[in-house]
N, C-alpha and C. Protein backbone atom coordinates (compact mmCIF):
# COMPACT_ATOMS: atom_id res chain seq x y z
N MET A 1 0.85 -1.19 0.00
CA MET A 1 0.00 0.00 0.00
C MET A 1 0.88 1.24 0.00
N ALA A 2 0.58 2.17 -0.87
CA ALA A 2 1.40 3.37 -0.98
C ALA A 2 1.25 4.23 0.26
N GLY A 3 2.34 4.96 0.61
CA GLY A 3 2.29 5.84 1.75
C GLY A 3 1.39 7.04 1.49
N SER A 4 0.91 7.63 2.59
CA SER A 4 0.02 8.78 2.48
C SER A 4 0.77 9.97 1.88
N THR A 5 0.06 10.77 1.11
CA THR A 5 0.66 11.95 0.50
C THR A 5 0.25 13.23 1.20
N THR A 6 -0.48 13.10 2.31
CA THR A 6 -0.88 14.27 3.09
C THR A 6 -0.56 14.03 4.56
N ASN A 7 -0.46 15.12 5.32
CA ASN A 7 -0.25 14.99 6.76
C ASN A 7 -1.39 14.22 7.40
N ASP A 8 -1.06 13.44 8.45
CA ASP A 8 -2.06 12.57 9.06
C ASP A 8 -1.86 12.58 10.58
N SER A 9 -2.81 13.15 11.32
CA SER A 9 -2.67 13.27 12.77
C SER A 9 -2.69 11.92 13.47
N THR A 10 -3.22 10.87 12.81
CA THR A 10 -3.24 9.55 13.45
C THR A 10 -1.86 8.92 13.47
N MET A 11 -0.89 9.51 12.77
CA MET A 11 0.48 9.01 12.79
C MET A 11 1.27 9.58 13.97
N VAL A 12 0.66 10.50 14.72
CA VAL A 12 1.30 11.09 15.89
C VAL A 12 0.98 10.22 17.10
N SER A 13 1.96 10.01 17.99
CA SER A 13 1.72 9.11 19.11
C SER A 13 2.38 9.60 20.39
N LEU A 14 1.70 9.34 21.49
CA LEU A 14 2.30 9.52 22.81
C LEU A 14 3.13 8.29 23.14
N GLY A 15 3.88 8.37 24.24
CA GLY A 15 4.74 7.26 24.62
C GLY A 15 4.29 6.55 25.88
N LYS A 16 2.99 6.18 25.93
CA LYS A 16 2.48 5.47 27.10
C LYS A 16 2.94 4.01 27.09
N PHE A 17 2.87 3.39 28.27
CA PHE A 17 3.27 1.99 28.39
C PHE A 17 2.04 1.11 28.61
N LYS A 18 2.19 -0.15 28.31
CA LYS A 18 1.11 -1.12 28.44
C LYS A 18 0.66 -1.24 29.89
N VAL A 19 -0.63 -1.11 30.13
CA VAL A 19 -1.17 -1.21 31.48
C VAL A 19 -1.04 -2.64 31.99
N GLY A 20 -0.56 -2.80 33.22
CA GLY A 20 -0.47 -4.12 33.83
C GLY A 20 0.90 -4.75 33.81
N GLY A 21 1.82 -4.21 33.01
CA GLY A 21 3.17 -4.76 32.95
C GLY A 21 3.84 -4.37 31.66
N TYR A 22 5.00 -3.74 31.75
CA TYR A 22 5.61 -3.25 30.52
C TYR A 22 7.13 -3.30 30.49
N ALA A 23 7.77 -3.68 31.58
CA ALA A 23 9.24 -3.79 31.59
C ALA A 23 9.62 -5.19 32.07
N TYR A 24 10.34 -5.91 31.23
CA TYR A 24 10.70 -7.29 31.52
C TYR A 24 12.19 -7.52 31.24
N TRP A 25 12.77 -8.47 31.97
CA TRP A 25 14.14 -8.87 31.67
C TRP A 25 14.25 -10.37 31.73
N ALA A 26 15.31 -10.90 31.07
CA ALA A 26 15.53 -12.34 31.01
C ALA A 26 17.02 -12.60 30.85
N PRO A 27 17.49 -13.81 31.20
CA PRO A 27 18.91 -14.14 31.05
C PRO A 27 19.34 -14.10 29.59
N SER A 28 20.62 -13.88 29.38
CA SER A 28 21.19 -13.93 28.04
C SER A 28 20.92 -15.29 27.42
N GLY A 29 20.59 -15.31 26.13
CA GLY A 29 20.30 -16.55 25.44
C GLY A 29 18.84 -16.92 25.39
N THR A 30 18.00 -16.20 26.14
CA THR A 30 16.55 -16.44 26.08
C THR A 30 16.03 -16.12 24.68
N ALA A 31 15.12 -16.95 24.18
CA ALA A 31 14.55 -16.73 22.84
C ALA A 31 13.87 -15.36 22.79
N LEU A 32 14.23 -14.57 21.78
CA LEU A 32 13.68 -13.23 21.65
C LEU A 32 12.33 -13.26 20.95
N PRO A 33 11.40 -12.40 21.35
CA PRO A 33 10.13 -12.33 20.64
C PRO A 33 10.36 -11.84 19.21
N PRO A 34 9.68 -12.42 18.23
CA PRO A 34 9.93 -12.07 16.83
C PRO A 34 9.01 -10.99 16.28
N ASP A 35 8.09 -10.48 17.10
CA ASP A 35 7.14 -9.49 16.61
C ASP A 35 6.54 -8.76 17.81
N SER A 36 5.49 -7.99 17.58
CA SER A 36 4.91 -7.17 18.64
C SER A 36 3.89 -7.89 19.49
N SER A 37 3.47 -9.10 19.10
CA SER A 37 2.36 -9.75 19.79
C SER A 37 2.63 -11.12 20.36
N THR A 38 3.70 -11.79 19.93
CA THR A 38 4.00 -13.13 20.44
C THR A 38 4.22 -13.09 21.95
N THR A 39 3.65 -14.04 22.67
CA THR A 39 3.81 -14.12 24.12
C THR A 39 5.28 -14.29 24.48
N LEU A 40 5.74 -13.53 25.47
CA LEU A 40 7.13 -13.63 25.90
C LEU A 40 7.42 -14.99 26.50
N ALA A 41 8.65 -15.46 26.33
CA ALA A 41 9.07 -16.73 26.92
C ALA A 41 8.95 -16.65 28.44
N ALA A 42 8.81 -17.81 29.08
CA ALA A 42 8.61 -17.88 30.53
C ALA A 42 9.80 -17.31 31.30
N GLU A 43 10.96 -17.26 30.66
CA GLU A 43 12.16 -16.74 31.35
C GLU A 43 12.08 -15.24 31.64
N PHE A 44 11.21 -14.52 30.93
CA PHE A 44 11.10 -13.08 31.15
C PHE A 44 10.37 -12.80 32.46
N LYS A 45 10.98 -11.95 33.29
CA LYS A 45 10.42 -11.60 34.59
C LYS A 45 10.06 -10.12 34.62
N LEU A 46 8.94 -9.82 35.24
CA LEU A 46 8.45 -8.45 35.33
C LEU A 46 9.33 -7.62 36.27
N LEU A 47 9.68 -6.41 35.83
CA LEU A 47 10.47 -5.49 36.65
C LEU A 47 9.61 -4.47 37.39
N GLY A 48 8.33 -4.40 37.08
CA GLY A 48 7.44 -3.50 37.78
C GLY A 48 7.40 -2.11 37.17
N TYR A 49 6.83 -1.18 37.92
CA TYR A 49 6.65 0.19 37.45
C TYR A 49 7.99 0.88 37.17
N LEU A 50 7.98 1.74 36.13
CA LEU A 50 9.04 2.71 35.93
C LEU A 50 8.60 4.04 36.50
N SER A 51 9.55 4.92 36.81
CA SER A 51 9.21 6.25 37.31
C SER A 51 8.53 7.06 36.22
N GLU A 52 8.02 8.23 36.59
CA GLU A 52 7.28 9.07 35.65
C GLU A 52 8.13 9.57 34.49
N ASP A 53 9.45 9.49 34.60
CA ASP A 53 10.32 9.91 33.49
C ASP A 53 10.39 8.87 32.38
N GLY A 54 9.87 7.67 32.63
CA GLY A 54 9.79 6.65 31.60
C GLY A 54 11.15 6.11 31.17
N LEU A 55 11.31 5.95 29.87
CA LEU A 55 12.50 5.34 29.28
C LEU A 55 13.20 6.36 28.38
N THR A 56 14.50 6.51 28.56
CA THR A 56 15.28 7.45 27.75
C THR A 56 16.30 6.69 26.91
N ASN A 57 16.20 6.85 25.59
CA ASN A 57 17.13 6.21 24.66
C ASN A 57 18.16 7.25 24.20
N THR A 58 19.43 6.95 24.44
CA THR A 58 20.51 7.86 24.06
C THR A 58 21.43 7.19 23.05
N THR A 59 21.78 7.93 22.00
CA THR A 59 22.75 7.42 21.03
C THR A 59 24.00 8.28 21.06
N ASP A 60 25.12 7.64 20.83
CA ASP A 60 26.42 8.32 20.84
C ASP A 60 27.17 7.93 19.56
N THR A 61 27.51 8.93 18.76
CA THR A 61 28.20 8.66 17.51
C THR A 61 29.47 9.50 17.40
N ASP A 62 30.44 8.96 16.69
CA ASP A 62 31.63 9.71 16.31
C ASP A 62 31.70 9.74 14.78
N ALA A 63 32.25 10.82 14.24
CA ALA A 63 32.32 10.95 12.79
C ALA A 63 33.70 11.46 12.38
N THR A 64 34.14 11.03 11.21
CA THR A 64 35.38 11.50 10.63
C THR A 64 35.08 12.45 9.47
N GLU A 65 35.70 13.63 9.52
CA GLU A 65 35.52 14.60 8.45
C GLU A 65 36.71 14.55 7.50
N ILE A 66 36.41 14.59 6.21
CA ILE A 66 37.46 14.64 5.19
C ILE A 66 37.39 16.01 4.52
N LYS A 67 38.50 16.74 4.56
CA LYS A 67 38.54 18.09 3.99
C LYS A 67 39.45 18.13 2.77
N ASP A 68 39.18 19.08 1.87
CA ASP A 68 40.05 19.24 0.73
C ASP A 68 41.14 20.26 1.06
N ALA A 69 41.94 20.62 0.07
CA ALA A 69 43.09 21.50 0.29
C ALA A 69 42.68 22.89 0.75
N ASN A 70 41.45 23.29 0.51
CA ASN A 70 40.97 24.61 0.93
C ASN A 70 40.31 24.59 2.30
N GLY A 71 40.29 23.40 2.92
CA GLY A 71 39.67 23.29 4.24
C GLY A 71 38.18 23.05 4.20
N THR A 72 37.62 22.81 3.03
CA THR A 72 36.19 22.54 2.89
C THR A 72 35.89 21.07 3.16
N THR A 73 34.91 20.82 3.99
CA THR A 73 34.52 19.44 4.27
C THR A 73 33.83 18.85 3.04
N VAL A 74 34.42 17.79 2.51
CA VAL A 74 33.85 17.16 1.32
C VAL A 74 33.15 15.84 1.65
N MET A 75 33.39 15.32 2.86
CA MET A 75 32.75 14.08 3.27
C MET A 75 32.78 13.99 4.79
N LYS A 76 31.70 13.50 5.35
CA LYS A 76 31.64 13.25 6.79
C LYS A 76 31.00 11.89 6.99
N VAL A 77 31.74 10.98 7.64
CA VAL A 77 31.31 9.59 7.77
C VAL A 77 31.24 9.20 9.24
N ILE A 78 30.13 8.61 9.66
CA ILE A 78 30.02 8.11 11.02
C ILE A 78 30.92 6.89 11.18
N THR A 79 31.79 6.93 12.18
CA THR A 79 32.76 5.86 12.37
C THR A 79 32.48 4.99 13.60
N SER A 80 31.60 5.44 14.48
CA SER A 80 31.22 4.61 15.63
C SER A 80 29.80 4.95 16.06
N TYR A 81 29.14 3.95 16.65
CA TYR A 81 27.75 4.13 17.06
C TYR A 81 27.52 3.34 18.34
N ALA A 82 26.91 3.96 19.32
CA ALA A 82 26.57 3.28 20.57
C ALA A 82 25.20 3.74 21.02
N GLU A 83 24.49 2.85 21.70
CA GLU A 83 23.13 3.14 22.14
C GLU A 83 22.98 2.70 23.59
N SER A 84 22.28 3.50 24.39
CA SER A 84 22.02 3.14 25.78
C SER A 84 20.59 3.51 26.15
N TYR A 85 20.10 2.90 27.24
CA TYR A 85 18.74 3.14 27.71
C TYR A 85 18.78 3.39 29.22
N GLN A 86 18.12 4.45 29.65
CA GLN A 86 18.09 4.81 31.07
C GLN A 86 16.65 4.77 31.57
N PHE A 87 16.46 4.23 32.78
CA PHE A 87 15.14 4.16 33.39
C PHE A 87 15.32 4.02 34.90
N ALA A 88 14.26 4.32 35.63
CA ALA A 88 14.28 4.20 37.10
C ALA A 88 13.17 3.27 37.54
N LEU A 89 13.53 2.21 38.24
CA LEU A 89 12.57 1.22 38.71
C LEU A 89 11.97 1.69 40.03
N LEU A 90 10.64 1.75 40.08
CA LEU A 90 9.96 2.23 41.28
C LEU A 90 9.76 1.14 42.34
N GLU A 91 9.61 -0.11 41.91
CA GLU A 91 9.28 -1.17 42.86
C GLU A 91 10.54 -1.73 43.52
N VAL A 92 11.10 -0.97 44.45
CA VAL A 92 12.36 -1.37 45.09
C VAL A 92 12.17 -2.56 46.01
N LEU A 93 10.94 -2.93 46.32
CA LEU A 93 10.69 -4.12 47.15
C LEU A 93 10.47 -5.37 46.30
N ARG A 94 10.54 -5.23 44.99
CA ARG A 94 10.42 -6.39 44.09
C ARG A 94 11.80 -7.01 43.90
N VAL A 95 11.92 -8.31 44.10
CA VAL A 95 13.22 -8.98 44.04
C VAL A 95 13.84 -8.88 42.65
N GLU A 96 13.04 -8.95 41.59
CA GLU A 96 13.60 -8.88 40.24
C GLU A 96 14.17 -7.49 39.95
N ALA A 97 13.52 -6.45 40.49
CA ALA A 97 14.04 -5.09 40.32
C ALA A 97 15.38 -4.94 41.04
N ALA A 98 15.49 -5.51 42.23
CA ALA A 98 16.75 -5.45 42.98
C ALA A 98 17.85 -6.20 42.24
N LYS A 99 17.52 -7.35 41.65
CA LYS A 99 18.51 -8.10 40.88
C LYS A 99 18.96 -7.32 39.65
N MET A 100 18.00 -6.63 39.01
CA MET A 100 18.34 -5.80 37.86
C MET A 100 19.37 -4.74 38.24
N ARG A 101 19.22 -4.15 39.41
CA ARG A 101 20.12 -3.09 39.86
C ARG A 101 21.44 -3.62 40.39
N TYR A 102 21.41 -4.66 41.20
CA TYR A 102 22.60 -5.06 41.96
C TYR A 102 23.28 -6.33 41.47
N ASN A 103 22.76 -6.98 40.43
CA ASN A 103 23.25 -8.26 39.89
C ASN A 103 22.37 -9.41 40.41
N SER A 104 22.20 -10.39 39.57
CA SER A 104 21.37 -11.55 39.93
C SER A 104 21.92 -12.29 41.14
N ASP A 105 23.25 -12.44 41.19
CA ASP A 105 23.85 -13.21 42.28
C ASP A 105 24.04 -12.40 43.56
N ALA A 106 23.64 -11.13 43.55
CA ALA A 106 23.80 -10.29 44.74
C ALA A 106 22.52 -10.21 45.57
N VAL A 107 21.45 -10.82 45.07
CA VAL A 107 20.16 -10.72 45.75
C VAL A 107 19.60 -12.11 46.00
N THR A 108 19.18 -12.37 47.22
CA THR A 108 18.51 -13.62 47.57
C THR A 108 17.22 -13.28 48.31
N GLY A 109 16.25 -14.19 48.24
CA GLY A 109 15.00 -13.98 48.94
C GLY A 109 13.84 -13.80 47.98
N THR A 110 12.79 -13.16 48.48
CA THR A 110 11.56 -12.97 47.72
C THR A 110 11.11 -11.51 47.86
N ASP A 111 10.04 -11.16 47.17
CA ASP A 111 9.50 -9.81 47.25
C ASP A 111 9.26 -9.42 48.71
N LYS A 112 9.72 -8.24 49.09
CA LYS A 112 9.57 -7.67 50.43
C LYS A 112 10.34 -8.42 51.51
N SER A 113 11.12 -9.42 51.12
CA SER A 113 11.92 -10.18 52.09
C SER A 113 13.17 -10.69 51.40
N MET A 114 14.20 -9.86 51.36
CA MET A 114 15.39 -10.22 50.60
C MET A 114 16.65 -9.68 51.26
N THR A 115 17.78 -10.23 50.83
CA THR A 115 19.09 -9.75 51.24
C THR A 115 19.82 -9.28 50.00
N ILE A 116 20.33 -8.04 50.03
CA ILE A 116 21.01 -7.44 48.89
C ILE A 116 22.46 -7.14 49.26
N LYS A 117 23.40 -7.67 48.50
CA LYS A 117 24.81 -7.37 48.68
C LYS A 117 25.21 -6.25 47.73
N HIS A 118 25.58 -5.11 48.27
CA HIS A 118 26.06 -4.00 47.45
C HIS A 118 27.51 -4.28 47.07
N GLN A 119 27.78 -4.37 45.79
CA GLN A 119 29.11 -4.78 45.35
C GLN A 119 29.39 -4.25 43.95
N MET A 120 30.62 -4.46 43.49
CA MET A 120 31.00 -4.07 42.13
C MET A 120 30.14 -4.81 41.13
N PRO A 121 29.50 -4.08 40.20
CA PRO A 121 28.68 -4.77 39.19
C PRO A 121 29.52 -5.69 38.33
N SER A 122 28.93 -6.80 37.93
CA SER A 122 29.62 -7.73 37.04
C SER A 122 29.30 -7.37 35.59
N ASP A 123 29.87 -8.13 34.67
CA ASP A 123 29.58 -7.92 33.25
C ASP A 123 28.44 -8.82 32.79
N GLU A 124 27.58 -9.21 33.73
CA GLU A 124 26.41 -10.02 33.42
C GLU A 124 25.62 -9.40 32.27
N ASP A 125 25.31 -10.19 31.25
CA ASP A 125 24.49 -9.66 30.17
C ASP A 125 23.10 -10.29 30.22
N PHE A 126 22.13 -9.57 29.68
CA PHE A 126 20.73 -9.98 29.80
C PHE A 126 19.93 -9.34 28.68
N VAL A 127 18.64 -9.68 28.63
CA VAL A 127 17.73 -9.18 27.62
C VAL A 127 16.69 -8.29 28.29
N LEU A 128 16.31 -7.20 27.64
CA LEU A 128 15.25 -6.33 28.12
C LEU A 128 14.17 -6.20 27.05
N VAL A 129 12.92 -6.17 27.50
CA VAL A 129 11.79 -5.92 26.60
C VAL A 129 10.88 -4.88 27.25
N PHE A 130 10.50 -3.88 26.48
CA PHE A 130 9.56 -2.86 26.94
C PHE A 130 8.32 -2.90 26.05
N GLU A 131 7.16 -2.93 26.69
CA GLU A 131 5.88 -2.98 25.99
C GLU A 131 5.25 -1.58 26.02
N ILE A 132 5.12 -0.96 24.86
CA ILE A 132 4.64 0.41 24.76
C ILE A 132 3.30 0.42 24.03
N ALA A 133 2.36 1.21 24.56
CA ALA A 133 1.03 1.33 23.94
C ALA A 133 0.96 2.67 23.23
N MET A 134 1.18 2.66 21.94
CA MET A 134 1.14 3.89 21.16
C MET A 134 -0.31 4.31 20.91
N SER A 135 -0.50 5.54 20.52
CA SER A 135 -1.85 6.05 20.27
C SER A 135 -2.55 5.23 19.19
N GLY A 136 -3.89 5.12 19.31
CA GLY A 136 -4.65 4.35 18.34
C GLY A 136 -4.55 2.86 18.54
N ASP A 137 -4.21 2.41 19.76
CA ASP A 137 -4.10 0.98 20.08
C ASP A 137 -3.05 0.26 19.23
N VAL A 138 -2.01 0.98 18.85
CA VAL A 138 -0.90 0.37 18.10
C VAL A 138 0.15 -0.12 19.09
N LYS A 139 0.55 -1.39 18.96
CA LYS A 139 1.55 -1.96 19.85
C LYS A 139 2.96 -1.56 19.41
N ASP A 140 3.81 -1.36 20.40
CA ASP A 140 5.22 -1.07 20.14
C ASP A 140 6.03 -1.87 21.14
N ARG A 141 6.75 -2.87 20.67
CA ARG A 141 7.57 -3.71 21.53
C ARG A 141 9.05 -3.44 21.23
N LEU A 142 9.78 -3.01 22.24
CA LEU A 142 11.20 -2.72 22.10
C LEU A 142 12.00 -3.87 22.69
N VAL A 143 12.83 -4.51 21.88
CA VAL A 143 13.62 -5.66 22.30
C VAL A 143 15.10 -5.28 22.27
N ILE A 144 15.73 -5.31 23.44
CA ILE A 144 17.17 -5.03 23.55
C ILE A 144 17.83 -6.36 23.90
N GLY A 145 18.42 -6.99 22.92
CA GLY A 145 18.81 -8.39 23.06
C GLY A 145 20.12 -8.67 23.76
N ASN A 146 20.94 -7.65 23.98
CA ASN A 146 22.24 -7.88 24.63
C ASN A 146 22.60 -6.66 25.47
N CYS A 147 22.15 -6.68 26.72
CA CYS A 147 22.35 -5.54 27.62
C CYS A 147 23.42 -5.83 28.66
N THR A 148 24.12 -4.79 29.07
CA THR A 148 24.97 -4.83 30.27
C THR A 148 24.77 -3.53 31.03
N ARG A 149 24.95 -3.57 32.33
CA ARG A 149 24.81 -2.36 33.15
C ARG A 149 25.94 -1.39 32.83
N ALA A 150 25.59 -0.12 32.71
CA ALA A 150 26.59 0.89 32.35
C ALA A 150 26.75 1.97 33.41
N GLU A 151 25.64 2.46 33.96
CA GLU A 151 25.69 3.54 34.95
C GLU A 151 24.54 3.38 35.94
N PHE A 152 24.69 4.03 37.10
CA PHE A 152 23.65 4.02 38.11
C PHE A 152 23.43 5.44 38.63
N GLY A 153 22.16 5.80 38.82
CA GLY A 153 21.85 7.08 39.42
C GLY A 153 21.85 6.98 40.93
N ASP A 154 21.76 8.13 41.59
CA ASP A 154 21.73 8.16 43.05
C ASP A 154 20.43 7.54 43.56
N ARG A 155 20.51 6.94 44.73
CA ARG A 155 19.33 6.41 45.41
C ARG A 155 19.11 7.22 46.67
N GLN A 156 18.08 8.05 46.66
CA GLN A 156 17.80 8.91 47.80
C GLN A 156 16.77 8.25 48.71
N VAL A 157 17.02 8.33 50.01
CA VAL A 157 16.13 7.75 51.00
C VAL A 157 15.63 8.85 51.92
N HIS A 158 14.39 9.28 51.72
CA HIS A 158 13.79 10.30 52.58
C HIS A 158 12.28 10.23 52.41
N ALA A 159 11.55 10.98 53.23
CA ALA A 159 10.09 10.87 53.26
C ALA A 159 9.40 11.57 52.11
N GLY A 160 10.12 12.43 51.37
CA GLY A 160 9.47 13.25 50.37
C GLY A 160 9.25 12.60 49.03
N ASP A 161 10.06 11.61 48.65
CA ASP A 161 9.96 10.99 47.33
C ASP A 161 10.11 9.47 47.45
N ALA A 162 9.58 8.79 46.43
CA ALA A 162 9.73 7.34 46.38
C ALA A 162 11.18 6.97 46.08
N GLN A 163 11.65 5.88 46.66
CA GLN A 163 12.97 5.36 46.32
C GLN A 163 12.90 4.74 44.91
N VAL A 164 14.03 4.78 44.20
CA VAL A 164 14.09 4.18 42.87
C VAL A 164 15.45 3.51 42.68
N TYR A 165 15.47 2.55 41.77
CA TYR A 165 16.73 2.02 41.25
C TYR A 165 16.94 2.64 39.87
N ASP A 166 17.84 3.60 39.78
CA ASP A 166 18.10 4.32 38.53
C ASP A 166 19.23 3.62 37.79
N VAL A 167 18.92 3.05 36.62
CA VAL A 167 19.88 2.22 35.90
C VAL A 167 20.00 2.68 34.45
N THR A 168 21.22 2.71 33.94
CA THR A 168 21.46 2.90 32.51
C THR A 168 22.13 1.64 31.99
N VAL A 169 21.59 1.07 30.93
CA VAL A 169 22.18 -0.13 30.34
C VAL A 169 22.72 0.19 28.96
N SER A 170 23.79 -0.49 28.61
CA SER A 170 24.36 -0.39 27.27
C SER A 170 23.69 -1.42 26.38
N ALA A 171 23.22 -0.98 25.21
CA ALA A 171 22.63 -1.89 24.23
C ALA A 171 23.75 -2.37 23.30
N ASN A 172 24.22 -3.57 23.54
CA ASN A 172 25.36 -4.11 22.80
C ASN A 172 24.91 -4.80 21.51
N ASP A 173 25.87 -5.20 20.72
CA ASP A 173 25.60 -5.80 19.41
C ASP A 173 24.83 -7.11 19.56
N MET A 174 23.64 -7.18 18.96
CA MET A 174 22.84 -8.40 18.95
C MET A 174 23.21 -9.30 17.76
N GLY A 175 24.01 -8.77 16.86
CA GLY A 175 24.34 -9.46 15.62
C GLY A 175 24.15 -8.53 14.45
N ASP A 176 25.14 -8.50 13.55
CA ASP A 176 25.09 -7.64 12.36
C ASP A 176 25.01 -6.17 12.71
N GLY A 177 25.56 -5.79 13.88
CA GLY A 177 25.58 -4.39 14.26
C GLY A 177 24.27 -3.86 14.82
N VAL A 178 23.28 -4.72 15.01
CA VAL A 178 21.97 -4.30 15.53
C VAL A 178 22.06 -4.17 17.05
N THR A 179 21.61 -3.05 17.60
CA THR A 179 21.64 -2.83 19.05
C THR A 179 20.27 -3.02 19.71
N ALA A 180 19.20 -2.89 18.97
CA ALA A 180 17.85 -3.11 19.48
C ALA A 180 16.92 -3.29 18.28
N ILE A 181 15.77 -3.93 18.52
CA ILE A 181 14.77 -4.10 17.48
C ILE A 181 13.44 -3.60 18.03
N GLU A 182 12.76 -2.79 17.27
CA GLU A 182 11.47 -2.26 17.67
C GLU A 182 10.40 -2.78 16.71
N TYR A 183 9.41 -3.48 17.28
CA TYR A 183 8.32 -4.03 16.48
C TYR A 183 7.07 -3.18 16.73
N ILE A 184 6.53 -2.56 15.69
CA ILE A 184 5.37 -1.70 15.82
C ILE A 184 4.19 -2.29 15.06
N GLY A 185 3.09 -2.48 15.76
CA GLY A 185 1.81 -2.84 15.14
C GLY A 185 1.71 -4.26 14.67
N VAL A 186 1.95 -4.50 13.40
CA VAL A 186 1.65 -5.78 12.76
C VAL A 186 2.74 -6.79 13.05
N ALA A 187 2.33 -8.00 13.44
CA ALA A 187 3.29 -9.06 13.71
C ALA A 187 3.90 -9.56 12.41
N ALA A 188 5.18 -9.95 12.49
CA ALA A 188 5.85 -10.51 11.32
C ALA A 188 5.30 -11.90 11.05
N SER A 189 5.48 -12.37 9.80
CA SER A 189 5.04 -13.73 9.47
C SER A 189 5.93 -14.73 10.18
N ALA A 190 5.45 -15.94 10.33
CA ALA A 190 6.22 -16.97 11.05
C ALA A 190 7.55 -17.24 10.38
N SER A 191 7.56 -17.27 9.03
CA SER A 191 8.81 -17.57 8.33
C SER A 191 9.82 -16.46 8.53
N GLU A 192 9.38 -15.19 8.44
CA GLU A 192 10.28 -14.08 8.65
C GLU A 192 10.79 -14.05 10.07
N SER A 193 9.91 -14.36 11.04
CA SER A 193 10.29 -14.35 12.44
C SER A 193 11.37 -15.37 12.71
N SER A 194 11.22 -16.57 12.12
CA SER A 194 12.19 -17.63 12.36
C SER A 194 13.56 -17.23 11.85
N VAL A 195 13.62 -16.65 10.65
CA VAL A 195 14.90 -16.26 10.07
C VAL A 195 15.55 -15.16 10.90
N ASP A 196 14.77 -14.12 11.26
CA ASP A 196 15.33 -13.01 12.01
C ASP A 196 15.87 -13.46 13.35
N ALA A 197 15.07 -14.25 14.08
CA ALA A 197 15.49 -14.64 15.42
C ALA A 197 16.67 -15.59 15.37
N GLU A 198 16.73 -16.45 14.35
CA GLU A 198 17.86 -17.37 14.23
C GLU A 198 19.14 -16.59 14.04
N GLY A 199 19.10 -15.55 13.24
CA GLY A 199 20.30 -14.77 12.97
C GLY A 199 20.78 -14.01 14.19
N LEU A 200 19.85 -13.65 15.08
CA LEU A 200 20.22 -12.81 16.22
C LEU A 200 20.46 -13.59 17.50
N THR A 201 19.97 -14.83 17.61
CA THR A 201 20.16 -15.60 18.84
C THR A 201 21.00 -16.84 18.63
N GLY A 202 21.26 -17.20 17.37
CA GLY A 202 22.05 -18.38 17.12
C GLY A 202 21.25 -19.66 17.21
N LYS A 203 19.93 -19.57 17.28
CA LYS A 203 19.11 -20.76 17.36
C LYS A 203 17.79 -20.52 16.63
N VAL A 204 17.15 -21.60 16.20
CA VAL A 204 15.87 -21.49 15.51
C VAL A 204 14.78 -21.27 16.54
N VAL A 205 13.87 -20.36 16.24
CA VAL A 205 12.76 -20.07 17.15
C VAL A 205 11.83 -21.26 17.24
N ASP A 206 11.41 -21.60 18.47
CA ASP A 206 10.39 -22.61 18.67
C ASP A 206 9.09 -22.10 18.05
N GLN A 207 8.59 -22.79 17.05
CA GLN A 207 7.42 -22.30 16.35
C GLN A 207 6.15 -22.35 17.20
N VAL A 208 6.17 -23.10 18.31
CA VAL A 208 5.04 -23.07 19.23
C VAL A 208 4.94 -21.69 19.86
N ASN A 209 6.09 -21.12 20.20
CA ASN A 209 6.10 -19.79 20.78
C ASN A 209 6.00 -18.71 19.71
N ALA A 210 6.44 -19.01 18.49
CA ALA A 210 6.41 -18.01 17.42
C ALA A 210 5.00 -17.76 16.93
N GLU A 211 4.11 -18.68 17.18
CA GLU A 211 2.72 -18.48 16.77
C GLU A 211 1.83 -18.98 17.89
N GLU A 212 1.11 -18.11 18.54
CA GLU A 212 0.35 -18.45 19.73
C GLU A 212 -0.67 -19.57 19.49
N THR A 213 -1.22 -19.66 18.29
CA THR A 213 -2.27 -20.64 18.03
C THR A 213 -1.74 -21.92 17.40
N ALA A 214 -0.44 -22.01 17.22
CA ALA A 214 0.12 -23.18 16.54
C ALA A 214 0.12 -24.39 17.46
N GLU A 215 -0.04 -25.57 16.88
CA GLU A 215 0.06 -26.81 17.62
C GLU A 215 1.53 -27.23 17.70
N PRO A 216 1.97 -27.94 18.77
CA PRO A 216 3.36 -28.39 18.85
C PRO A 216 3.73 -29.25 17.66
N ALA A 217 4.89 -28.98 17.10
CA ALA A 217 5.35 -29.74 15.94
C ALA A 217 5.79 -31.14 16.37
N GLU A 218 5.59 -32.13 15.45
CA GLU A 218 6.04 -33.48 15.75
C GLU A 218 7.55 -33.56 15.64
N GLU A 219 8.14 -34.38 16.50
CA GLU A 219 9.59 -34.52 16.50
C GLU A 219 10.03 -35.27 15.25
N VAL A 220 11.03 -34.78 14.56
CA VAL A 220 11.55 -35.43 13.37
C VAL A 220 12.63 -36.41 13.78
N PRO A 221 12.49 -37.72 13.44
CA PRO A 221 13.50 -38.69 13.84
C PRO A 221 14.84 -38.42 13.17
N ALA A 222 15.91 -38.73 13.89
CA ALA A 222 17.26 -38.50 13.36
C ALA A 222 17.50 -39.44 12.18
N ALA A 223 18.32 -38.98 11.26
CA ALA A 223 18.67 -39.79 10.09
C ALA A 223 19.48 -41.00 10.50
N GLU A 224 19.24 -42.12 9.82
CA GLU A 224 20.01 -43.35 10.12
C GLU A 224 21.46 -43.16 9.74
């Protein structure tokens, strides 16, 4: 279908999040969702509410300028690209939020009853997914397939404001230079999803999870 040739106010969107749960994380190697609607794998755990500042995506680029003999720039080429995401977790009594901030192995216990070891962050890598509800009931799923902790904001403890875990993560290479994938609206076809996810995770997507209504595939016997 050809693109619109006139301005369209329905293409404008706010950045609200899905009601009921919108920030999830999972261990590295977890199968990534291939579209905006496929149910997340069981390994994904809810991180709870984000603060009112939401999610901030920052990009950092360097460029090389080529000048001629008169000092005129004749070419400018981007030579490096980095992407990061910053957010503040409000549910500081949620064990998964504490693990997100302090490392998985630094937190033991359950919600509202845990022990947290404050220590040097490790290079633990993980997956993040954010579920965004764009205007007009359009789904927007942001998949950051290879994250590591990069920075932490201050944690203030006083009666005037809620405590938060302020975290910035680095979006590392998921494969082929991709740092994140954003799926908006329409789900990809099963065949396209399988190819994309295989290239980015190193494994073929389970088609039971790739299509919510699909029946489990029969096991193919090994060749003699």
